[in-house]
Amino acid sequence: MNEYESINKYISILKRYYEIFQTEQLKEYDISSGQLKFLYTLYYDNGIIQETMAKRFFTDKSNVARQISKLEKAGLVSKQVDEMDKRNFRVYLTDKGYALQETIENMVQEWMNIMLKDFSKQESKETLAILNRMTTNVLKASIEEEKL
């Protein structure tokens, strides 16, 4: 296996096991791993526009709409038409959604502790910097590809 196959393999394994971990942790709340990122975002950017979420997560608007609709049916979020641009919807956490914040943040921290076990602070910082550079490279390549 070459170096590039290994990088993809390990990123894929981490993603898959994180989804399994999330599913197990969230099953009593009836939240899927796909919905978690939207809730987590709202804890720090409540009232964000749905379209902004789609751009932030590099996904299509219809996927965001489906996930937000599920969260809305669960009573965790509400949508309101944006006053500045009636074509957009802003998404807000409900009290029920806010009530899960500590649980979700603890779950995310637990996963970080699992992944970074036995890492020094310096190794953790370096790992984040490398992943950030890799992401930046992919985004730049994607943007350049769109220009062609």
C-alpha atoms as a PDB file:
ATOM      1  CA  MET A   1       0.000   0.000   0.000  1.00  0.00           C
ATOM      2  CA  ASN A   2       1.457   3.359  -0.941  1.00  0.00           C
ATOM      3  CA  GLU A   3       1.489   6.481   1.214  1.00  0.00           C
ATOM      4  CA  TYR A   4      -1.578   8.040  -0.425  1.00  0.00           C
ATOM      5  CA  GLU A   5      -3.687   4.908  -0.076  1.00  0.00           C
ATOM      6  CA  SER A   6      -2.753   4.824   3.604  1.00  0.00           C
ATOM      7  CA  ILE A   7      -3.815   8.416   4.199  1.00  0.00           C
ATOM      8  CA  ASN A   8      -7.181   7.815   2.547  1.00  0.00           C
ATOM      9  CA  LYS A   9      -7.603   4.538   4.388  1.00  0.00           C
ATOM     10  CA  TYR A  10      -7.019   6.100   7.811  1.00  0.00           C
ATOM     11  CA  ILE A  11      -9.208   9.117   7.150  1.00  0.00           C
ATOM     12  CA  SER A  12     -11.963   6.770   6.013  1.00  0.00           C
ATOM     13  CA  ILE A  13     -11.596   4.575   9.117  1.00  0.00           C
ATOM     14  CA  LEU A  14     -11.731   7.592  11.435  1.00  0.00           C
ATOM     15  CA  LYS A  15     -14.838   8.940   9.711  1.00  0.00           C
ATOM     16  CA  ARG A  16     -16.620   5.589   9.818  1.00  0.00           C
ATOM     17  CA  TYR A  17     -15.850   4.922  13.476  1.00  0.00           C
ATOM     18  CA  TYR A  18     -16.847   8.459  14.408  1.00  0.00           C
ATOM     19  CA  GLU A  19     -20.225   7.865  12.762  1.00  0.00           C
ATOM     20  CA  ILE A  20     -20.598   4.575  14.689  1.00  0.00           C
ATOM     21  CA  PHE A  21     -19.606   6.331  17.932  1.00  0.00           C
ATOM     22  CA  GLN A  22     -22.081   9.169  17.296  1.00  0.00           C
ATOM     23  CA  THR A  23     -24.911   6.796  16.427  1.00  0.00           C
ATOM     24  CA  GLU A  24     -24.379   4.833  19.625  1.00  0.00           C
ATOM     25  CA  GLN A  25     -24.125   7.952  21.777  1.00  0.00           C
ATOM     26  CA  LEU A  26     -27.141   9.673  20.211  1.00  0.00           C
ATOM     27  CA  LYS A  27     -29.589   6.798  19.792  1.00  0.00           C
ATOM     28  CA  GLU A  28     -31.569   7.662  22.937  1.00  0.00           C
ATOM     29  CA  TYR A  29     -32.102  11.201  21.574  1.00  0.00           C
ATOM     30  CA  ASP A  30     -33.214  10.033  18.114  1.00  0.00           C
ATOM     31  CA  ILE A  31     -30.549  12.144  16.404  1.00  0.00           C
ATOM     32  CA  SER A  32     -28.481  10.790  13.530  1.00  0.00           C
ATOM     33  CA  SER A  33     -24.806  11.452  12.976  1.00  0.00           C
ATOM     34  CA  GLY A  34     -25.816  13.419   9.871  1.00  0.00           C
ATOM     35  CA  GLN A  35     -27.905  15.803  11.967  1.00  0.00           C
ATOM     36  CA  LEU A  36     -25.310  16.301  14.684  1.00  0.00           C
ATOM     37  CA  LYS A  37     -23.154  18.753  12.734  1.00  0.00           C
ATOM     38  CA  PHE A  38     -26.157  21.023  12.209  1.00  0.00           C
ATOM     39  CA  LEU A  39     -27.034  21.060  15.894  1.00  0.00           C
ATOM     40  CA  TYR A  40     -23.413  21.582  16.872  1.00  0.00           C
ATOM     41  CA  THR A  41     -23.116  24.514  14.465  1.00  0.00           C
ATOM     42  CA  LEU A  42     -26.219  26.139  15.919  1.00  0.00           C
ATOM     43  CA  TYR A  43     -24.718  26.079  19.408  1.00  0.00           C
ATOM     44  CA  TYR A  44     -22.147  28.557  18.156  1.00  0.00           C
ATOM     45  CA  ASP A  45     -23.967  30.233  15.269  1.00  0.00           C
ATOM     46  CA  ASN A  46     -27.667  30.212  16.177  1.00  0.00           C
ATOM     47  CA  GLY A  47     -29.821  31.804  13.499  1.00  0.00           C
ATOM     48  CA  ILE A  48     -27.551  30.801  10.630  1.00  0.00           C
ATOM     49  CA  ILE A  49     -29.073  30.736   7.153  1.00  0.00           C
ATOM     50  CA  GLN A  50     -29.674  27.261   5.700  1.00  0.00           C
ATOM     51  CA  GLU A  51     -27.739  28.113   2.537  1.00  0.00           C
ATOM     52  CA  THR A  52     -24.716  29.088   4.649  1.00  0.00           C
ATOM     53  CA  MET A  53     -24.866  25.673   6.305  1.00  0.00           C
ATOM     54  CA  ALA A  54     -24.823  24.005   2.892  1.00  0.00           C
ATOM     55  CA  LYS A  55     -21.693  25.950   1.933  1.00  0.00           C
ATOM     56  CA  ARG A  56     -20.026  25.308   5.286  1.00  0.00           C
ATOM     57  CA  PHE A  57     -20.545  21.548   5.020  1.00  0.00           C
ATOM     58  CA  PHE A  58     -19.934  21.305   1.271  1.00  0.00           C
ATOM     59  CA  THR A  59     -23.310  19.724   0.676  1.00  0.00           C
ATOM     60  CA  ASP A  60     -26.364  20.600  -1.362  1.00  0.00           C
ATOM     61  CA  LYS A  61     -29.229  22.726  -0.066  1.00  0.00           C
ATOM     62  CA  SER A  62     -31.729  19.877  -0.311  1.00  0.00           C
ATOM     63  CA  ASN A  63     -29.662  17.735   2.080  1.00  0.00           C
ATOM     64  CA  VAL A  64     -29.543  20.589   4.580  1.00  0.00           C
ATOM     65  CA  ALA A  65     -33.297  21.102   4.205  1.00  0.00           C
ATOM     66  CA  ARG A  66     -33.964  17.390   4.872  1.00  0.00           C
ATOM     67  CA  GLN A  67     -31.771  17.295   7.970  1.00  0.00           C
ATOM     68  CA  ILE A  68     -33.190  20.543   9.344  1.00  0.00           C
ATOM     69  CA  SER A  69     -36.711  19.265   8.691  1.00  0.00           C
ATOM     70  CA  LYS A  70     -35.977  16.146  10.760  1.00  0.00           C
ATOM     71  CA  LEU A  71     -34.557  18.265  13.580  1.00  0.00           C
ATOM     72  CA  GLU A  72     -37.598  20.524  13.352  1.00  0.00           C
ATOM     73  CA  LYS A  73     -39.973  17.540  13.624  1.00  0.00           C
ATOM     74  CA  ALA A  74     -38.005  16.382  16.686  1.00  0.00           C
ATOM     75  CA  GLY A  75     -38.586  19.813  18.237  1.00  0.00           C
ATOM     76  CA  LEU A  76     -34.886  20.651  18.368  1.00  0.00           C
ATOM     77  CA  VAL A  77     -34.859  23.569  15.915  1.00  0.00           C
ATOM     78  CA  SER A  78     -37.223  26.044  14.313  1.00  0.00           C
ATOM     79  CA  LYS A  79     -37.013  27.885  10.999  1.00  0.00           C
ATOM     80  CA  GLN A  80     -37.956  31.476  10.315  1.00  0.00           C
ATOM     81  CA  VAL A  81     -37.978  33.439   7.088  1.00  0.00           C
ATOM     82  CA  ASP A  82     -35.037  35.826   6.970  1.00  0.00           C
ATOM     83  CA  GLU A  83     -36.296  39.404   7.287  1.00  0.00           C
ATOM     84  CA  MET A  84     -33.564  40.764   4.984  1.00  0.00           C
ATOM     85  CA  ASP A  85     -34.090  38.204   2.224  1.00  0.00           C
ATOM     86  CA  LYS A  86     -37.424  36.391   2.222  1.00  0.00           C
ATOM     87  CA  ARG A  87     -35.952  33.610   0.041  1.00  0.00           C
ATOM     88  CA  ASN A  88     -33.774  32.427   2.933  1.00  0.00           C
ATOM     89  CA  PHE A  89     -34.579  30.624   6.151  1.00  0.00           C
ATOM     90  CA  ARG A  90     -32.761  31.146   9.417  1.00  0.00           C
ATOM     91  CA  VAL A  91     -32.462  28.162  11.726  1.00  0.00           C
ATOM     92  CA  TYR A  92     -32.718  28.529  15.497  1.00  0.00           C
ATOM     93  CA  LEU A  93     -32.333  26.095  18.358  1.00  0.00           C
ATOM     94  CA  THR A  94     -35.352  25.494  20.545  1.00  0.00           C
ATOM     95  CA  ASP A  95     -35.111  25.049  24.309  1.00  0.00           C
ATOM     96  CA  LYS A  96     -35.153  21.292  23.686  1.00  0.00           C
ATOM     97  CA  GLY A  97     -32.227  21.680  21.278  1.00  0.00           C
ATOM     98  CA  TYR A  98     -30.265  23.774  23.756  1.00  0.00           C
ATOM     99  CA  ALA A  99     -30.927  21.174  26.454  1.00  0.00           C
ATOM    100  CA  LEU A 100     -28.751  18.711  24.505  1.00  0.00           C
ATOM    101  CA  GLN A 101     -25.766  21.033  24.186  1.00  0.00           C
ATOM    102  CA  GLU A 102     -23.808  19.732  27.171  1.00  0.00           C
ATOM    103  CA  THR A 103     -24.449  16.118  26.186  1.00  0.00           C
ATOM    104  CA  ILE A 104     -23.311  16.727  22.628  1.00  0.00           C
ATOM    105  CA  GLU A 105     -20.262  18.743  23.625  1.00  0.00           C
ATOM    106  CA  ASN A 106     -19.258  16.019  26.090  1.00  0.00           C
ATOM    107  CA  MET A 107     -19.658  13.409  23.370  1.00  0.00           C
ATOM    108  CA  VAL A 108     -17.463  15.387  20.972  1.00  0.00           C
ATOM    109  CA  GLN A 109     -14.839  15.856  23.688  1.00  0.00           C
ATOM    110  CA  GLU A 110     -14.922  12.138  24.501  1.00  0.00           C
ATOM    111  CA  TRP A 111     -14.261  11.324  20.835  1.00  0.00           C
ATOM    112  CA  MET A 112     -11.374  13.795  20.750  1.00  0.00           C
ATOM    113  CA  ASN A 113      -9.936  12.151  23.875  1.00  0.00           C
ATOM    114  CA  ILE A 114     -10.196   8.730  22.222  1.00  0.00           C
ATOM    115  CA  MET A 115      -8.501   9.882  19.012  1.00  0.00           C
ATOM    116  CA  LEU A 116      -5.758  11.881  20.680  1.00  0.00           C
ATOM    117  CA  LYS A 117      -4.980   9.468  23.519  1.00  0.00           C
ATOM    118  CA  ASP A 118      -1.242   9.461  24.249  1.00  0.00           C
ATOM    119  CA  PHE A 119      -0.665  12.474  21.967  1.00  0.00           C
ATOM    120  CA  SER A 120       1.334  15.347  23.384  1.00  0.00           C
ATOM    121  CA  LYS A 121      -0.158  18.832  23.054  1.00  0.00           C
ATOM    122  CA  GLN A 122       2.406  19.515  20.342  1.00  0.00           C
ATOM    123  CA  GLU A 123       1.422  16.382  18.418  1.00  0.00           C
ATOM    124  CA  SER A 124      -2.258  17.349  18.668  1.00  0.00           C
ATOM    125  CA  LYS A 125      -1.485  20.828  17.290  1.00  0.00           C
ATOM    126  CA  GLU A 126       0.655  19.400  14.497  1.00  0.00           C
ATOM    127  CA  THR A 127      -2.038  16.885  13.550  1.00  0.00           C
ATOM    128  CA  LEU A 128      -4.638  19.636  13.349  1.00  0.00           C
ATOM    129  CA  ALA A 129      -2.293  21.802  11.276  1.00  0.00           C
ATOM    130  CA  ILE A 130      -1.626  18.950   8.837  1.00  0.00           C
ATOM    131  CA  LEU A 131      -5.332  18.141   8.474  1.00  0.00           C
ATOM    132  CA  ASN A 132      -6.055  21.830   7.959  1.00  0.00           C
ATOM    133  CA  ARG A 133      -3.419  22.031   5.200  1.00  0.00           C
ATOM    134  CA  MET A 134      -4.797  18.915   3.526  1.00  0.00           C
ATOM    135  CA  THR A 135      -8.315  20.379   3.611  1.00  0.00           C
ATOM    136  CA  THR A 136      -7.077  23.697   2.222  1.00  0.00           C
ATOM    137  CA  ASN A 137      -5.315  21.876  -0.624  1.00  0.00           C
ATOM    138  CA  VAL A 138      -8.475  19.956  -1.507  1.00  0.00           C
ATOM    139  CA  LEU A 139     -10.619  23.094  -1.390  1.00  0.00           C
ATOM    140  CA  LYS A 140      -8.180  25.010  -3.578  1.00  0.00           C
ATOM    141  CA  ALA A 141      -8.105  22.164  -6.103  1.00  0.00           C
ATOM    142  CA  SER A 142     -11.890  22.048  -6.094  1.00  0.00           C
ATOM    143  CA  ILE A 143     -12.146  25.780  -6.749  1.00  0.00           C
ATOM    144  CA  GLU A 144      -9.549  25.590  -9.540  1.00  0.00           C
ATOM    145  CA  GLU A 145     -11.438  22.669 -11.098  1.00  0.00           C
ATOM    146  CA  GLU A 146     -14.667  24.724 -11.122  1.00  0.00           C
ATOM    147  CA  LYS A 147     -12.920  27.484 -13.093  1.00  0.00           C
ATOM    148  CA  LEU A 148     -12.025  25.118 -15.932  1.00  0.00           C
END
